[in-house]
Amino acid sequence: MTARPIALITGGSRGVGAAIARALAPTHDLILGGRDGTALRAVCDELGARPWSVELTDERAVAEAAADVQRLDLLVHSAGVARLGTVAELPVRAWRETMEVNVIAVAELTRLLLPALRAARGHVVLINSGAGRRANPGWAAYAASKFALRALADALRQEEEPHGVRITSVYPGRVNTDMQRDVREQEGGAFEPERYLVPESVARAVVAAVTAGGDAHITEIDIRPSAGPVA
């Protein structure tokens, strides 16, 4: 009997990450990361997933946890932070946290797991943002991190092609999640879920990329709400 593919999803305790986990659960064995231990345990219990409660900015902890992963078919980077503010007002600690979580931790975890991904001729999916395509006022730090994430994906895609590892960037607009609620509070605006994507729509796009077939490499996916603003 052929073993089921293994997927590791960061940010898997809620929002887009949890939606991706639920979409993949029928076909994949799941390893889920997340900061909220209670929420993570609930999703893992629901899906029969293995919890991977690792602080992604803790270099030693990430290295120790990654060493236990010998084969990996899919790595989904869904964890992230959004700290809004103008360049004039945003302190350096917000810039550092944003880049550390949204870019550096992604690069390091990917580096550590590349042997396992290469062994499986696996797939890396990076959940980016509309802010990875365009920077708006008040979004400099977040957009800079997502532009950097786009560059990371573009370089990694070319580097790993000889090893059979595929790289997909997904660029959603605003999504109805707790993170979006926090973003709207930072913007001083109303939370309007009817104008946003549902997490399941992003999850379906990820599944489409992952199941495209060995002859197809879906490199980028843009998803926008059918109505309302675009992040």
Protein backbone atom coordinates (compact mmCIF):
# COMPACT_ATOMS: atom_id res chain seq x y z
CA MET A 1 0.00 0.00 0.00
CA THR A 2 1.38 3.40 -1.01
CA ALA A 3 1.90 5.85 1.86
CA ARG A 4 -0.17 8.99 1.75
CA PRO A 5 1.66 12.22 0.97
CA ILE A 6 2.75 14.30 3.96
CA ALA A 7 1.98 18.01 4.21
CA LEU A 8 3.34 20.50 6.77
CA ILE A 9 1.28 23.69 7.09
CA THR A 10 2.42 26.65 9.16
CA GLY A 11 -0.33 28.88 10.54
CA GLY A 12 -2.58 25.82 10.47
CA SER A 13 -4.56 26.55 13.62
CA ARG A 14 -6.97 29.05 12.06
CA GLY A 15 -7.92 31.10 9.02
CA VAL A 16 -6.42 30.23 5.65
CA GLY A 17 -4.01 27.67 7.12
CA ALA A 18 -6.80 25.71 8.81
CA ALA A 19 -8.90 25.85 5.64
CA ILE A 20 -6.00 24.44 3.63
CA ALA A 21 -5.56 21.69 6.23
CA ARG A 22 -9.23 20.71 5.99
CA ALA A 23 -9.06 20.67 2.19
CA LEU A 24 -5.99 18.42 2.20
CA ALA A 25 -7.05 16.11 5.04
CA PRO A 26 -8.81 13.55 2.79
CA THR A 27 -5.63 12.93 0.79
CA HIS A 28 -2.67 13.91 3.00
CA ASP A 29 -1.18 13.11 6.38
CA LEU A 30 -0.94 16.50 8.08
CA ILE A 31 1.60 18.21 10.30
CA LEU A 32 0.17 21.52 11.53
CA GLY A 33 1.97 24.47 13.08
CA GLY A 34 0.39 27.35 14.96
CA ARG A 35 1.00 29.74 17.84
CA ASP A 36 -2.37 29.27 19.53
CA GLY A 37 -1.93 25.93 21.27
CA THR A 38 -5.62 25.50 22.13
CA ALA A 39 -6.80 26.23 18.59
CA LEU A 40 -4.04 24.07 17.14
CA ARG A 41 -4.98 21.07 19.28
CA ALA A 42 -8.63 21.46 18.28
CA VAL A 43 -7.85 21.43 14.54
CA CYS A 44 -5.40 18.54 14.94
CA ASP A 45 -7.98 16.52 16.88
CA GLU A 46 -10.59 17.27 14.21
CA LEU A 47 -8.36 16.20 11.32
CA GLY A 48 -6.17 13.56 12.93
CA ALA A 49 -3.14 15.76 12.33
CA ARG A 50 0.18 15.89 14.14
CA PRO A 51 0.71 19.17 16.03
CA TRP A 52 3.95 21.02 15.27
CA SER A 53 3.94 23.78 17.87
CA VAL A 54 7.23 25.48 17.05
CA GLU A 55 8.04 29.18 17.34
CA LEU A 56 9.13 29.93 13.79
CA THR A 57 11.49 32.72 14.83
CA ASP A 58 13.37 30.43 17.26
CA GLU A 59 16.21 29.19 15.08
CA ARG A 60 17.25 26.34 17.36
CA ALA A 61 13.70 25.07 17.94
CA VAL A 62 12.93 25.10 14.22
CA ALA A 63 16.15 23.22 13.41
CA GLU A 64 15.39 20.55 16.01
CA ALA A 65 11.81 20.10 14.82
CA ALA A 66 12.77 20.03 11.14
CA ALA A 67 15.36 17.32 11.80
CA ASP A 68 12.53 14.90 12.56
CA VAL A 69 11.01 15.32 9.08
CA GLN A 70 12.65 12.83 6.71
CA ARG A 71 10.21 13.03 3.80
CA LEU A 72 7.85 15.87 2.94
CA ASP A 73 5.58 16.11 -0.08
CA LEU A 74 4.14 19.53 0.60
CA LEU A 75 5.19 22.57 2.63
CA VAL A 76 2.63 25.37 2.94
CA HIS A 77 3.78 28.66 4.44
CA SER A 78 0.60 30.28 5.77
CA ALA A 79 1.83 31.89 9.01
CA GLY A 80 2.34 35.64 8.96
CA VAL A 81 1.88 38.97 10.71
CA ALA A 82 0.58 42.34 9.55
CA ARG A 83 1.79 45.51 11.26
CA LEU A 84 0.38 48.60 9.57
CA GLY A 85 1.54 52.18 9.81
CA THR A 86 3.20 54.88 7.77
CA VAL A 87 6.95 54.96 7.36
CA ALA A 88 6.95 58.08 9.55
CA GLU A 89 5.28 56.33 12.48
CA LEU A 90 6.14 52.62 12.33
CA PRO A 91 8.94 51.73 14.80
CA VAL A 92 11.90 49.59 13.85
CA ARG A 93 10.72 46.68 16.03
CA ALA A 94 7.60 46.37 13.83
CA TRP A 95 9.75 46.21 10.70
CA ARG A 96 12.00 43.57 12.27
CA GLU A 97 9.12 41.40 13.46
CA THR A 98 7.40 41.61 10.08
CA MET A 99 10.49 40.64 8.11
CA GLU A 100 11.46 37.96 10.64
CA VAL A 101 8.10 36.17 10.54
CA ASN A 102 7.03 36.79 6.95
CA VAL A 103 10.35 36.25 5.16
CA ILE A 104 13.32 35.08 7.22
CA ALA A 105 11.46 32.30 9.06
CA VAL A 106 10.01 31.12 5.73
CA ALA A 107 13.46 31.00 4.11
CA GLU A 108 15.02 29.16 7.06
CA LEU A 109 12.29 26.55 7.45
CA THR A 110 12.34 25.91 3.71
CA ARG A 111 16.13 25.55 3.75
CA LEU A 112 15.99 23.03 6.56
CA LEU A 113 13.26 20.98 4.89
CA LEU A 114 14.68 21.00 1.35
CA PRO A 115 16.33 17.57 1.71
CA ALA A 116 12.98 16.06 2.71
CA LEU A 117 11.20 17.92 -0.11
CA ARG A 118 13.78 16.88 -2.68
CA ALA A 119 13.49 13.25 -1.59
CA ALA A 120 9.76 13.39 -2.36
CA ARG A 121 10.05 15.72 -5.39
CA GLY A 122 7.71 17.84 -3.36
CA HIS A 123 5.97 21.18 -3.51
CA VAL A 124 6.30 24.46 -1.60
CA VAL A 125 3.31 26.82 -1.48
CA LEU A 126 3.78 30.35 -0.18
CA ILE A 127 0.66 32.26 0.83
CA ASN A 128 1.53 35.78 -0.23
CA SER A 129 -0.91 38.70 -0.55
CA GLY A 130 -2.21 41.31 -2.92
CA ALA A 131 0.29 43.47 -1.02
CA GLY A 132 3.00 41.38 -2.65
CA ARG A 133 1.95 42.92 -5.95
CA ARG A 134 1.34 46.54 -4.92
CA ALA A 135 2.24 48.71 -1.92
CA ASN A 136 -0.33 51.15 -0.53
CA PRO A 137 0.07 53.98 2.00
CA GLY A 138 0.36 52.62 5.53
CA TRP A 139 1.35 49.18 4.28
CA ALA A 140 5.08 49.69 3.68
CA ALA A 141 6.42 47.11 6.15
CA TYR A 142 3.90 44.40 5.29
CA ALA A 143 4.18 44.99 1.54
CA ALA A 144 7.98 45.02 1.74
CA SER A 145 7.88 41.61 3.43
CA LYS A 146 5.51 40.24 0.81
CA PHE A 147 7.55 41.67 -2.07
CA ALA A 148 10.54 39.93 -0.48
CA LEU A 149 8.54 36.71 -0.17
CA ARG A 150 7.77 36.94 -3.87
CA ALA A 151 11.49 37.32 -4.63
CA LEU A 152 12.28 34.35 -2.40
CA ALA A 153 9.76 32.22 -4.28
CA ASP A 154 11.01 33.31 -7.70
CA ALA A 155 14.63 32.48 -6.87
CA LEU A 156 13.75 29.23 -5.10
CA ARG A 157 11.65 28.07 -8.04
CA GLN A 158 14.61 28.30 -10.40
CA GLU A 159 17.07 26.83 -7.90
CA GLU A 160 14.93 23.80 -7.13
CA GLU A 161 13.69 22.98 -10.62
CA PRO A 162 16.63 20.58 -11.20
CA HIS A 163 15.63 18.75 -7.99
CA GLY A 164 12.01 18.34 -9.03
CA VAL A 165 10.61 20.63 -6.32
CA ARG A 166 7.77 22.89 -7.44
CA ILE A 167 7.14 26.36 -5.98
CA THR A 168 3.78 28.15 -6.05
CA SER A 169 2.99 31.66 -4.81
CA VAL A 170 -0.65 32.44 -3.99
CA TYR A 171 -1.73 36.08 -3.88
CA PRO A 172 -5.13 36.47 -2.18
CA GLY A 173 -6.95 39.74 -1.68
CA ARG A 174 -8.69 40.38 1.63
CA VAL A 175 -9.85 37.18 3.34
CA ASN A 176 -12.46 36.75 6.07
CA THR A 177 -10.11 35.76 8.91
CA ASP A 178 -9.12 36.90 12.40
CA MET A 179 -6.03 38.46 10.86
CA GLN A 180 -8.21 40.55 8.56
CA ARG A 181 -10.29 41.66 11.54
CA ASP A 182 -7.10 42.89 13.20
CA VAL A 183 -6.01 44.61 9.99
CA ARG A 184 -9.32 46.48 9.79
CA GLU A 185 -8.92 47.59 13.40
CA GLN A 186 -5.46 48.94 12.55
CA GLU A 187 -6.94 50.75 9.56
CA GLY A 188 -9.78 52.14 11.66
CA GLY A 189 -12.38 50.67 9.32
CA ALA A 190 -15.36 48.33 9.61
CA PHE A 191 -14.91 44.58 9.25
CA GLU A 192 -17.08 43.62 6.24
CA PRO A 193 -16.79 39.84 5.72
CA GLU A 194 -19.33 39.85 2.88
CA ARG A 195 -16.80 41.82 0.81
CA TYR A 196 -13.91 39.42 1.39
CA LEU A 197 -12.84 36.01 0.18
CA VAL A 198 -13.67 33.04 2.38
CA PRO A 199 -10.62 30.99 3.47
CA GLU A 200 -11.99 27.96 1.63
CA SER A 201 -11.58 29.75 -1.70
CA VAL A 202 -7.87 30.18 -1.06
CA ALA A 203 -7.65 26.55 0.06
CA ARG A 204 -9.25 25.35 -3.17
CA ALA A 205 -6.65 27.28 -5.16
CA VAL A 206 -3.86 25.62 -3.18
CA VAL A 207 -5.36 22.18 -3.80
CA ALA A 208 -5.61 22.96 -7.52
CA ALA A 209 -1.91 23.83 -7.65
CA VAL A 210 -0.86 20.79 -5.63
CA THR A 211 -2.95 18.33 -7.65
CA ALA A 212 -2.21 19.78 -11.10
CA GLY A 213 -0.24 16.72 -12.19
CA GLY A 214 3.40 15.96 -12.74
CA ASP A 215 3.47 17.70 -16.12
CA ALA A 216 2.17 21.01 -14.74
CA HIS A 217 3.90 23.59 -12.56
CA ILE A 218 1.47 26.27 -11.43
CA THR A 219 3.83 29.04 -10.41
CA GLU A 220 1.48 31.85 -9.36
CA ILE A 221 -2.20 32.23 -8.49
CA ASP A 222 -3.96 35.58 -8.00
CA ILE A 223 -7.30 35.51 -6.17
CA ARG A 224 -9.46 38.57 -5.64
CA PRO A 225 -12.84 39.03 -3.95
CA SER A 226 -15.64 39.36 -6.48
CA ALA A 227 -16.57 42.65 -4.79
CA GLY A 228 -14.94 45.03 -2.35
CA PRO A 229 -11.41 46.37 -1.78
CA VAL A 230 -8.24 44.51 -2.58
CA ALA A 231 -5.44 44.37 0.02
